[in-house]
Amino acid sequence: MSLLSWRSQVRNVKSHLVNLVFPPVCVCCRKVGAILCQDCLEQVKWMEEPICQSCGCTVLNSSRLCSNCLKRPLPLNQIRAAVLFDTIIPDTIHQMKYRNAFALAEPLGMLMVNAWSKWQTHIDMVIPVPLHAQRQKKRGYNQSALLVNTFCQELSLVSNQQILFRTRKTPPQVGLNAKERRTNVTGAFSVQNPHLVKGGNILLVDDVCTTGATLMAAAEVLLAAGANTVSAYCLARAM
C-alpha cells in the first residue's frame, strides 16, 4: 500500500469515527445524516438550455447570444454554471461563506462535477477567483478554492491557487447594478508567475455568477498575462 493510499484510509476512518460521535445535520432541514441531505439536494434546479452561448444566462428562445453579449462581448470564451441560484442554493451558499459551514464545499462541489459533462470546454488549468488577503484571513478560507479542491480532485484536473490574486480590497458586489459591479472590480486582480498561464486555456471557478463582472475583470488580467483562452464555471447562476 502506498503512503498516499494509507493516509487516505486513515482520514476516512477518522471521518467515520467523528460522524459516529457527532453525526452531521443537514443545514437546510436539520435532518441527521448528512450536511446536505438527499431530499434537499433533489430540490436543486439545474441549469438547462436554452442559454446564451457566451455568458450562460437563460434566454427565452434559441438565440445564440443574449442582448447584453451582443452589445458587450465578453473577454471570456464562455461562462457556465451548474445550478440556478434558487430553492436551497442561496441559503446554502450563504452558510458556506459566512457561517463557517465550509464542509458544504464538498456536496456543492459535487453538483459542479455532475453538471460538468454538459458544459465542459477544453482547459489546461483551473484557478479559483481569489478573495483579498484581508477578507480571506477574516473568513479563514476561500469558498471558491474549496469548490475547486473537490471539482479538480473528482475530475483529475490541474489547479493552481498561486497565480491570480486580488490586489485591491473591493466592497461586496451585493446591491450594485451591472455598471457599478464592473467599476467596483476594475483593476482588482493581478497575475503572478505569468509564465504558468502563457498559452494555456484557463478555467476560472467562482461560487455565484450574477452579471459576470468579477469573472470578466479576472479574465482580462489572465489574458493580458498571455493566457490563450479564459472560461468560467460557477456553482450557481443568479438571474
C-alpha atoms as a PDB file:
ATOM      1  CA  MET A   1       0.000   0.000   0.000  1.00  0.00           C
ATOM      2  CA  SER A   2       1.365   3.432  -0.943  1.00  0.00           C
ATOM      3  CA  LEU A   3       1.857   6.131   1.680  1.00  0.00           C
ATOM      4  CA  LEU A   4      -0.776   8.297  -0.063  1.00  0.00           C
ATOM      5  CA  SER A   5      -3.315   5.461  -0.029  1.00  0.00           C
ATOM      6  CA  TRP A   6      -2.590   4.717   3.634  1.00  0.00           C
ATOM      7  CA  ARG A   7      -3.064   8.361   4.610  1.00  0.00           C
ATOM      8  CA  SER A   8      -6.326   8.471   2.677  1.00  0.00           C
ATOM      9  CA  GLN A   9      -7.639   5.430   4.529  1.00  0.00           C
ATOM     10  CA  VAL A  10      -6.619   6.942   7.872  1.00  0.00           C
ATOM     11  CA  ARG A  11      -8.523  10.135   7.020  1.00  0.00           C
ATOM     12  CA  ASN A  12     -11.591   8.114   6.047  1.00  0.00           C
ATOM     13  CA  VAL A  13     -11.512   6.166   9.312  1.00  0.00           C
ATOM     14  CA  LYS A  14     -11.130   9.377  11.328  1.00  0.00           C
ATOM     15  CA  SER A  15     -14.010  10.979   9.438  1.00  0.00           C
ATOM     16  CA  HIS A  16     -16.194   7.915  10.024  1.00  0.00           C
ATOM     17  CA  LEU A  17     -15.448   7.953  13.757  1.00  0.00           C
ATOM     18  CA  VAL A  18     -16.214  11.669  14.036  1.00  0.00           C
ATOM     19  CA  ASN A  19     -19.511  11.150  12.209  1.00  0.00           C
ATOM     20  CA  LEU A  20     -20.441   8.345  14.603  1.00  0.00           C
ATOM     21  CA  VAL A  21     -19.875  10.569  17.635  1.00  0.00           C
ATOM     22  CA  PHE A  22     -21.094  13.825  16.088  1.00  0.00           C
ATOM     23  CA  PRO A  23     -23.418  12.885  13.204  1.00  0.00           C
ATOM     24  CA  PRO A  24     -23.773  15.636  10.605  1.00  0.00           C
ATOM     25  CA  VAL A  25     -27.031  17.567  10.384  1.00  0.00           C
ATOM     26  CA  CYS A  26     -28.479  18.931   7.133  1.00  0.00           C
ATOM     27  CA  VAL A  27     -28.070  22.720   7.054  1.00  0.00           C
ATOM     28  CA  CYS A  28     -31.409  23.077   5.281  1.00  0.00           C
ATOM     29  CA  CYS A  29     -33.877  20.750   7.014  1.00  0.00           C
ATOM     30  CA  ARG A  30     -31.874  19.722  10.128  1.00  0.00           C
ATOM     31  CA  LYS A  31     -32.263  16.017   9.336  1.00  0.00           C
ATOM     32  CA  VAL A  32     -29.444  13.947  10.863  1.00  0.00           C
ATOM     33  CA  GLY A  33     -27.177  12.051   8.496  1.00  0.00           C
ATOM     34  CA  ALA A  34     -25.544  14.471   6.061  1.00  0.00           C
ATOM     35  CA  ILE A  35     -24.596  18.147   5.978  1.00  0.00           C
ATOM     36  CA  LEU A  36     -26.778  18.425   2.861  1.00  0.00           C
ATOM     37  CA  CYS A  37     -29.313  15.616   2.671  1.00  0.00           C
ATOM     38  CA  GLN A  38     -30.561  13.904  -0.467  1.00  0.00           C
ATOM     39  CA  ASP A  39     -34.110  15.227  -0.046  1.00  0.00           C
ATOM     40  CA  CYS A  40     -32.831  18.809  -0.055  1.00  0.00           C
ATOM     41  CA  LEU A  41     -30.427  18.163  -2.931  1.00  0.00           C
ATOM     42  CA  GLU A  42     -33.367  16.969  -5.019  1.00  0.00           C
ATOM     43  CA  GLN A  43     -34.831  20.492  -4.791  1.00  0.00           C
ATOM     44  CA  VAL A  44     -31.893  21.931  -6.731  1.00  0.00           C
ATOM     45  CA  LYS A  45     -32.727  23.331 -10.173  1.00  0.00           C
ATOM     46  CA  TRP A  46     -30.075  22.515 -12.763  1.00  0.00           C
ATOM     47  CA  MET A  47     -29.076  24.987 -15.458  1.00  0.00           C
ATOM     48  CA  GLU A  48     -30.701  23.942 -18.705  1.00  0.00           C
ATOM     49  CA  GLU A  49     -30.784  25.082 -22.301  1.00  0.00           C
ATOM     50  CA  PRO A  50     -31.636  27.440 -23.875  1.00  0.00           C
ATOM     51  CA  ILE A  51     -28.821  29.645 -22.599  1.00  0.00           C
ATOM     52  CA  CYS A  52     -26.671  32.392 -24.074  1.00  0.00           C
ATOM     53  CA  GLN A  53     -23.671  30.636 -25.604  1.00  0.00           C
ATOM     54  CA  SER A  54     -21.378  33.347 -24.233  1.00  0.00           C
ATOM     55  CA  CYS A  55     -22.423  34.367 -20.708  1.00  0.00           C
ATOM     56  CA  GLY A  56     -24.583  31.319 -19.973  1.00  0.00           C
ATOM     57  CA  CYS A  57     -27.669  33.209 -18.829  1.00  0.00           C
ATOM     58  CA  THR A  58     -31.109  31.786 -19.543  1.00  0.00           C
ATOM     59  CA  VAL A  59     -32.675  33.059 -22.766  1.00  0.00           C
ATOM     60  CA  LEU A  60     -36.273  32.768 -23.893  1.00  0.00           C
ATOM     61  CA  ASN A  61     -35.514  31.303 -27.297  1.00  0.00           C
ATOM     62  CA  SER A  62     -32.695  29.558 -29.118  1.00  0.00           C
ATOM     63  CA  SER A  63     -30.814  32.787 -29.904  1.00  0.00           C
ATOM     64  CA  ARG A  64     -27.073  32.163 -29.750  1.00  0.00           C
ATOM     65  CA  LEU A  65     -26.295  35.330 -27.769  1.00  0.00           C
ATOM     66  CA  CYS A  66     -28.283  37.395 -25.280  1.00  0.00           C
ATOM     67  CA  SER A  67     -28.803  41.124 -25.838  1.00  0.00           C
ATOM     68  CA  ASN A  68     -26.094  42.043 -23.306  1.00  0.00           C
ATOM     69  CA  CYS A  69     -23.442  39.911 -25.007  1.00  0.00           C
ATOM     70  CA  LEU A  70     -24.412  41.287 -28.417  1.00  0.00           C
ATOM     71  CA  LYS A  71     -23.781  44.803 -27.077  1.00  0.00           C
ATOM     72  CA  ARG A  72     -20.712  43.990 -24.968  1.00  0.00           C
ATOM     73  CA  PRO A  73     -18.776  40.846 -25.997  1.00  0.00           C
ATOM     74  CA  LEU A  74     -17.175  39.016 -23.095  1.00  0.00           C
ATOM     75  CA  PRO A  75     -13.404  38.591 -22.756  1.00  0.00           C
ATOM     76  CA  LEU A  76     -14.196  35.022 -21.684  1.00  0.00           C
ATOM     77  CA  ASN A  77     -14.633  32.088 -24.003  1.00  0.00           C
ATOM     78  CA  GLN A  78     -17.764  31.152 -22.054  1.00  0.00           C
ATOM     79  CA  ILE A  79     -19.406  31.319 -18.622  1.00  0.00           C
ATOM     80  CA  ARG A  80     -21.360  28.312 -17.391  1.00  0.00           C
ATOM     81  CA  ALA A  81     -22.982  27.302 -14.106  1.00  0.00           C
ATOM     82  CA  ALA A  82     -24.135  24.026 -12.627  1.00  0.00           C
ATOM     83  CA  VAL A  83     -27.380  25.135 -10.975  1.00  0.00           C
ATOM     84  CA  LEU A  84     -29.743  28.059 -10.644  1.00  0.00           C
ATOM     85  CA  PHE A  85     -29.405  30.421  -7.677  1.00  0.00           C
ATOM     86  CA  ASP A  86     -32.780  29.261  -6.408  1.00  0.00           C
ATOM     87  CA  THR A  87     -34.510  26.907  -3.913  1.00  0.00           C
ATOM     88  CA  ILE A  88     -31.957  25.796  -1.279  1.00  0.00           C
ATOM     89  CA  ILE A  89     -28.891  27.207  -3.036  1.00  0.00           C
ATOM     90  CA  PRO A  90     -28.877  30.875  -1.847  1.00  0.00           C
ATOM     91  CA  ASP A  91     -29.056  29.979   1.844  1.00  0.00           C
ATOM     92  CA  THR A  92     -26.650  27.062   1.452  1.00  0.00           C
ATOM     93  CA  ILE A  93     -24.012  29.258  -0.211  1.00  0.00           C
ATOM     94  CA  HIS A  94     -24.577  31.928   2.433  1.00  0.00           C
ATOM     95  CA  GLN A  95     -23.919  29.387   5.172  1.00  0.00           C
ATOM     96  CA  MET A  96     -20.796  28.137   3.410  1.00  0.00           C
ATOM     97  CA  LYS A  97     -19.407  31.668   3.043  1.00  0.00           C
ATOM     98  CA  TYR A  98     -20.462  33.438   6.200  1.00  0.00           C
ATOM     99  CA  ARG A  99     -21.338  30.834   8.835  1.00  0.00           C
ATOM    100  CA  ASN A 100     -18.193  28.692   8.692  1.00  0.00           C
ATOM    101  CA  ALA A 101     -20.029  25.789   7.052  1.00  0.00           C
ATOM    102  CA  PHE A 102     -17.037  25.168   4.810  1.00  0.00           C
ATOM    103  CA  ALA A 103     -17.790  21.424   4.756  1.00  0.00           C
ATOM    104  CA  LEU A 104     -20.612  22.304   2.343  1.00  0.00           C
ATOM    105  CA  ALA A 105     -17.964  22.826  -0.343  1.00  0.00           C
ATOM    106  CA  GLU A 106     -17.827  19.068  -0.897  1.00  0.00           C
ATOM    107  CA  PRO A 107     -21.514  18.393  -1.740  1.00  0.00           C
ATOM    108  CA  LEU A 108     -21.788  21.710  -3.582  1.00  0.00           C
ATOM    109  CA  GLY A 109     -18.598  20.956  -5.491  1.00  0.00           C
ATOM    110  CA  MET A 110     -20.105  17.621  -6.475  1.00  0.00           C
ATOM    111  CA  LEU A 111     -23.009  19.482  -8.099  1.00  0.00           C
ATOM    112  CA  MET A 112     -20.403  21.166 -10.293  1.00  0.00           C
ATOM    113  CA  VAL A 113     -18.782  17.817 -11.026  1.00  0.00           C
ATOM    114  CA  ASN A 114     -22.097  16.240 -12.007  1.00  0.00           C
ATOM    115  CA  ALA A 115     -23.012  19.061 -14.406  1.00  0.00           C
ATOM    116  CA  TRP A 116     -19.556  19.452 -15.971  1.00  0.00           C
ATOM    117  CA  SER A 117     -20.107  16.911 -18.758  1.00  0.00           C
ATOM    118  CA  LYS A 118     -22.869  19.158 -20.106  1.00  0.00           C
ATOM    119  CA  TRP A 119     -20.880  22.406 -20.088  1.00  0.00           C
ATOM    120  CA  GLN A 120     -17.245  21.339 -20.293  1.00  0.00           C
ATOM    121  CA  THR A 121     -14.730  23.030 -22.567  1.00  0.00           C
ATOM    122  CA  HIS A 122     -11.052  22.343 -23.201  1.00  0.00           C
ATOM    123  CA  ILE A 123      -8.953  23.567 -20.271  1.00  0.00           C
ATOM    124  CA  ASP A 124      -5.382  23.164 -19.038  1.00  0.00           C
ATOM    125  CA  MET A 125      -5.675  24.669 -15.561  1.00  0.00           C
ATOM    126  CA  VAL A 126      -8.348  25.606 -13.022  1.00  0.00           C
ATOM    127  CA  ILE A 127      -7.992  28.796 -10.959  1.00  0.00           C
ATOM    128  CA  PRO A 128     -10.398  29.867  -8.194  1.00  0.00           C
ATOM    129  CA  VAL A 129     -11.474  33.506  -8.064  1.00  0.00           C
ATOM    130  CA  PRO A 130      -9.444  34.811  -5.106  1.00  0.00           C
ATOM    131  CA  LEU A 131     -10.529  36.803  -2.089  1.00  0.00           C
ATOM    132  CA  HIS A 132      -8.490  39.751  -0.891  1.00  0.00           C
ATOM    133  CA  ALA A 133      -5.936  38.557   1.665  1.00  0.00           C
ATOM    134  CA  GLN A 134      -7.582  40.522   4.482  1.00  0.00           C
ATOM    135  CA  ARG A 135     -11.020  39.097   3.725  1.00  0.00           C
ATOM    136  CA  GLN A 136      -9.698  35.561   3.466  1.00  0.00           C
ATOM    137  CA  LYS A 137      -7.832  35.923   6.754  1.00  0.00           C
ATOM    138  CA  LYS A 138     -11.025  37.102   8.444  1.00  0.00           C
ATOM    139  CA  ARG A 139     -13.165  34.321   6.920  1.00  0.00           C
ATOM    140  CA  GLY A 140     -10.469  31.679   7.273  1.00  0.00           C
ATOM    141  CA  TYR A 141     -10.915  30.204   3.792  1.00  0.00           C
ATOM    142  CA  ASN A 142     -11.865  30.996   0.205  1.00  0.00           C
ATOM    143  CA  GLN A 143     -15.092  29.209  -0.676  1.00  0.00           C
ATOM    144  CA  SER A 144     -14.211  29.180  -4.378  1.00  0.00           C
ATOM    145  CA  ALA A 145     -10.895  27.480  -3.636  1.00  0.00           C
ATOM    146  CA  LEU A 146     -12.717  24.827  -1.595  1.00  0.00           C
ATOM    147  CA  LEU A 147     -15.073  24.176  -4.523  1.00  0.00           C
ATOM    148  CA  VAL A 148     -12.042  23.873  -6.808  1.00  0.00           C
ATOM    149  CA  ASN A 149     -10.482  21.288  -4.498  1.00  0.00           C
ATOM    150  CA  THR A 150     -13.481  18.957  -4.828  1.00  0.00           C
ATOM    151  CA  PHE A 151     -14.026  19.714  -8.518  1.00  0.00           C
ATOM    152  CA  CYS A 152     -10.421  19.056  -9.556  1.00  0.00           C
ATOM    153  CA  GLN A 153      -9.940  16.037  -7.309  1.00  0.00           C
ATOM    154  CA  GLU A 154     -13.009  14.300  -8.710  1.00  0.00           C
ATOM    155  CA  LEU A 155     -12.187  15.089 -12.348  1.00  0.00           C
ATOM    156  CA  SER A 156      -8.378  14.795 -12.104  1.00  0.00           C
ATOM    157  CA  LEU A 157      -7.860  18.378 -13.256  1.00  0.00           C
ATOM    158  CA  VAL A 158      -4.871  20.608 -12.527  1.00  0.00           C
ATOM    159  CA  SER A 159      -5.444  23.644 -10.297  1.00  0.00           C
ATOM    160  CA  ASN A 160      -3.237  26.483  -9.109  1.00  0.00           C
ATOM    161  CA  GLN A 161      -4.054  28.987  -6.370  1.00  0.00           C
ATOM    162  CA  GLN A 162      -0.777  30.921  -6.616  1.00  0.00           C
ATOM    163  CA  ILE A 163      -1.349  32.725  -9.906  1.00  0.00           C
ATOM    164  CA  LEU A 164      -4.341  35.044  -9.608  1.00  0.00           C
ATOM    165  CA  PHE A 165      -4.519  37.470  -6.682  1.00  0.00           C
ATOM    166  CA  ARG A 166      -6.957  40.156  -5.603  1.00  0.00           C
ATOM    167  CA  THR A 167      -4.733  43.179  -5.013  1.00  0.00           C
ATOM    168  CA  ARG A 168      -7.441  45.696  -4.198  1.00  0.00           C
ATOM    169  CA  LYS A 169      -9.968  45.185  -1.418  1.00  0.00           C
ATOM    170  CA  THR A 170     -13.340  45.829  -3.016  1.00  0.00           C
ATOM    171  CA  PRO A 171     -16.733  46.255  -1.326  1.00  0.00           C
ATOM    172  CA  PRO A 172     -19.154  43.323  -1.767  1.00  0.00           C
ATOM    173  CA  GLN A 173     -20.955  43.262  -5.120  1.00  0.00           C
ATOM    174  CA  VAL A 174     -24.356  42.638  -3.488  1.00  0.00           C
ATOM    175  CA  GLY A 175     -26.743  45.513  -4.147  1.00  0.00           C
ATOM    176  CA  LEU A 176     -24.763  47.002  -7.046  1.00  0.00           C
ATOM    177  CA  ASN A 177     -26.083  47.237 -10.598  1.00  0.00           C
ATOM    178  CA  ALA A 178     -24.133  45.873 -13.584  1.00  0.00           C
ATOM    179  CA  LYS A 179     -22.218  49.108 -14.264  1.00  0.00           C
ATOM    180  CA  GLU A 180     -21.365  49.585 -10.592  1.00  0.00           C
ATOM    181  CA  ARG A 181     -20.150  45.991 -10.382  1.00  0.00           C
ATOM    182  CA  ARG A 182     -17.787  46.479 -13.325  1.00  0.00           C
ATOM    183  CA  THR A 183     -16.397  49.671 -11.804  1.00  0.00           C
ATOM    184  CA  ASN A 184     -16.043  48.033  -8.398  1.00  0.00           C
ATOM    185  CA  VAL A 185     -13.744  45.246  -9.644  1.00  0.00           C
ATOM    186  CA  THR A 186     -11.777  47.159 -12.282  1.00  0.00           C
ATOM    187  CA  GLY A 187      -8.078  46.780 -11.513  1.00  0.00           C
ATOM    188  CA  ALA A 188      -8.785  44.470  -8.575  1.00  0.00           C
ATOM    189  CA  PHE A 189      -6.742  41.496  -9.822  1.00  0.00           C
ATOM    190  CA  SER A 190      -3.147  40.762 -10.734  1.00  0.00           C
ATOM    191  CA  VAL A 191      -1.241  37.746 -12.031  1.00  0.00           C
ATOM    192  CA  GLN A 192       1.905  36.337 -10.511  1.00  0.00           C
ATOM    193  CA  ASN A 193       4.067  33.812 -12.360  1.00  0.00           C
ATOM    194  CA  PRO A 194       2.554  34.707 -15.768  1.00  0.00           C
ATOM    195  CA  HIS A 195       4.717  32.065 -17.457  1.00  0.00           C
ATOM    196  CA  LEU A 196       2.412  29.454 -15.880  1.00  0.00           C
ATOM    197  CA  VAL A 197      -0.616  30.711 -17.841  1.00  0.00           C
ATOM    198  CA  LYS A 198       1.091  31.736 -21.086  1.00  0.00           C
ATOM    199  CA  GLY A 199      -0.549  29.898 -23.979  1.00  0.00           C
ATOM    200  CA  GLY A 200      -2.849  27.995 -21.628  1.00  0.00           C
ATOM    201  CA  ASN A 201      -6.599  27.527 -21.565  1.00  0.00           C
ATOM    202  CA  ILE A 202      -7.732  28.641 -18.119  1.00  0.00           C
ATOM    203  CA  LEU A 203     -10.933  27.858 -16.233  1.00  0.00           C
ATOM    204  CA  LEU A 204     -11.971  30.349 -13.545  1.00  0.00           C
ATOM    205  CA  VAL A 205     -14.198  28.976 -10.784  1.00  0.00           C
ATOM    206  CA  ASP A 206     -16.462  31.024  -8.509  1.00  0.00           C
ATOM    207  CA  ASP A 207     -19.459  30.282  -6.329  1.00  0.00           C
ATOM    208  CA  VAL A 208     -22.053  32.594  -7.938  1.00  0.00           C
ATOM    209  CA  CYS A 209     -22.268  34.474 -11.227  1.00  0.00           C
ATOM    210  CA  THR A 210     -24.658  37.422 -11.401  1.00  0.00           C
ATOM    211  CA  THR A 211     -23.510  39.906 -14.062  1.00  0.00           C
ATOM    212  CA  GLY A 212     -20.126  38.281 -14.667  1.00  0.00           C
ATOM    213  CA  ALA A 213     -18.247  41.487 -13.766  1.00  0.00           C
ATOM    214  CA  THR A 214     -15.809  39.772 -11.381  1.00  0.00           C
ATOM    215  CA  LEU A 215     -15.101  36.991 -13.867  1.00  0.00           C
ATOM    216  CA  MET A 216     -14.519  39.499 -16.661  1.00  0.00           C
ATOM    217  CA  ALA A 217     -12.071  41.530 -14.581  1.00  0.00           C
ATOM    218  CA  ALA A 218     -10.146  38.396 -13.646  1.00  0.00           C
ATOM    219  CA  ALA A 219     -10.172  37.105 -17.223  1.00  0.00           C
ATOM    220  CA  GLU A 220      -8.759  40.340 -18.592  1.00  0.00           C
ATOM    221  CA  VAL A 221      -5.607  40.165 -16.458  1.00  0.00           C
ATOM    222  CA  LEU A 222      -5.109  36.479 -17.279  1.00  0.00           C
ATOM    223  CA  LEU A 223      -5.407  37.209 -20.996  1.00  0.00           C
ATOM    224  CA  ALA A 224      -3.008  40.153 -20.629  1.00  0.00           C
ATOM    225  CA  ALA A 225      -0.572  37.747 -18.946  1.00  0.00           C
ATOM    226  CA  GLY A 226      -0.620  35.532 -22.034  1.00  0.00           C
ATOM    227  CA  ALA A 227      -3.420  33.014 -21.477  1.00  0.00           C
ATOM    228  CA  ASN A 228      -4.783  31.606 -24.725  1.00  0.00           C
ATOM    229  CA  THR A 229      -8.400  31.462 -23.540  1.00  0.00           C
ATOM    230  CA  VAL A 230     -10.250  32.006 -20.272  1.00  0.00           C
ATOM    231  CA  SER A 231     -13.561  30.338 -19.491  1.00  0.00           C
ATOM    232  CA  ALA A 232     -15.542  30.354 -16.255  1.00  0.00           C
ATOM    233  CA  TYR A 233     -17.581  27.800 -14.361  1.00  0.00           C
ATOM    234  CA  CYS A 234     -19.675  28.673 -11.332  1.00  0.00           C
ATOM    235  CA  LEU A 235     -21.695  26.708  -8.875  1.00  0.00           C
ATOM    236  CA  ALA A 236     -24.810  28.866  -9.368  1.00  0.00           C
ATOM    237  CA  ARG A 237     -26.193  31.397 -11.783  1.00  0.00           C
ATOM    238  CA  ALA A 238     -28.274  34.276 -10.399  1.00  0.00           C
ATOM    239  CA  MET A 239     -30.878  35.711 -12.751  1.00  0.00           C
END
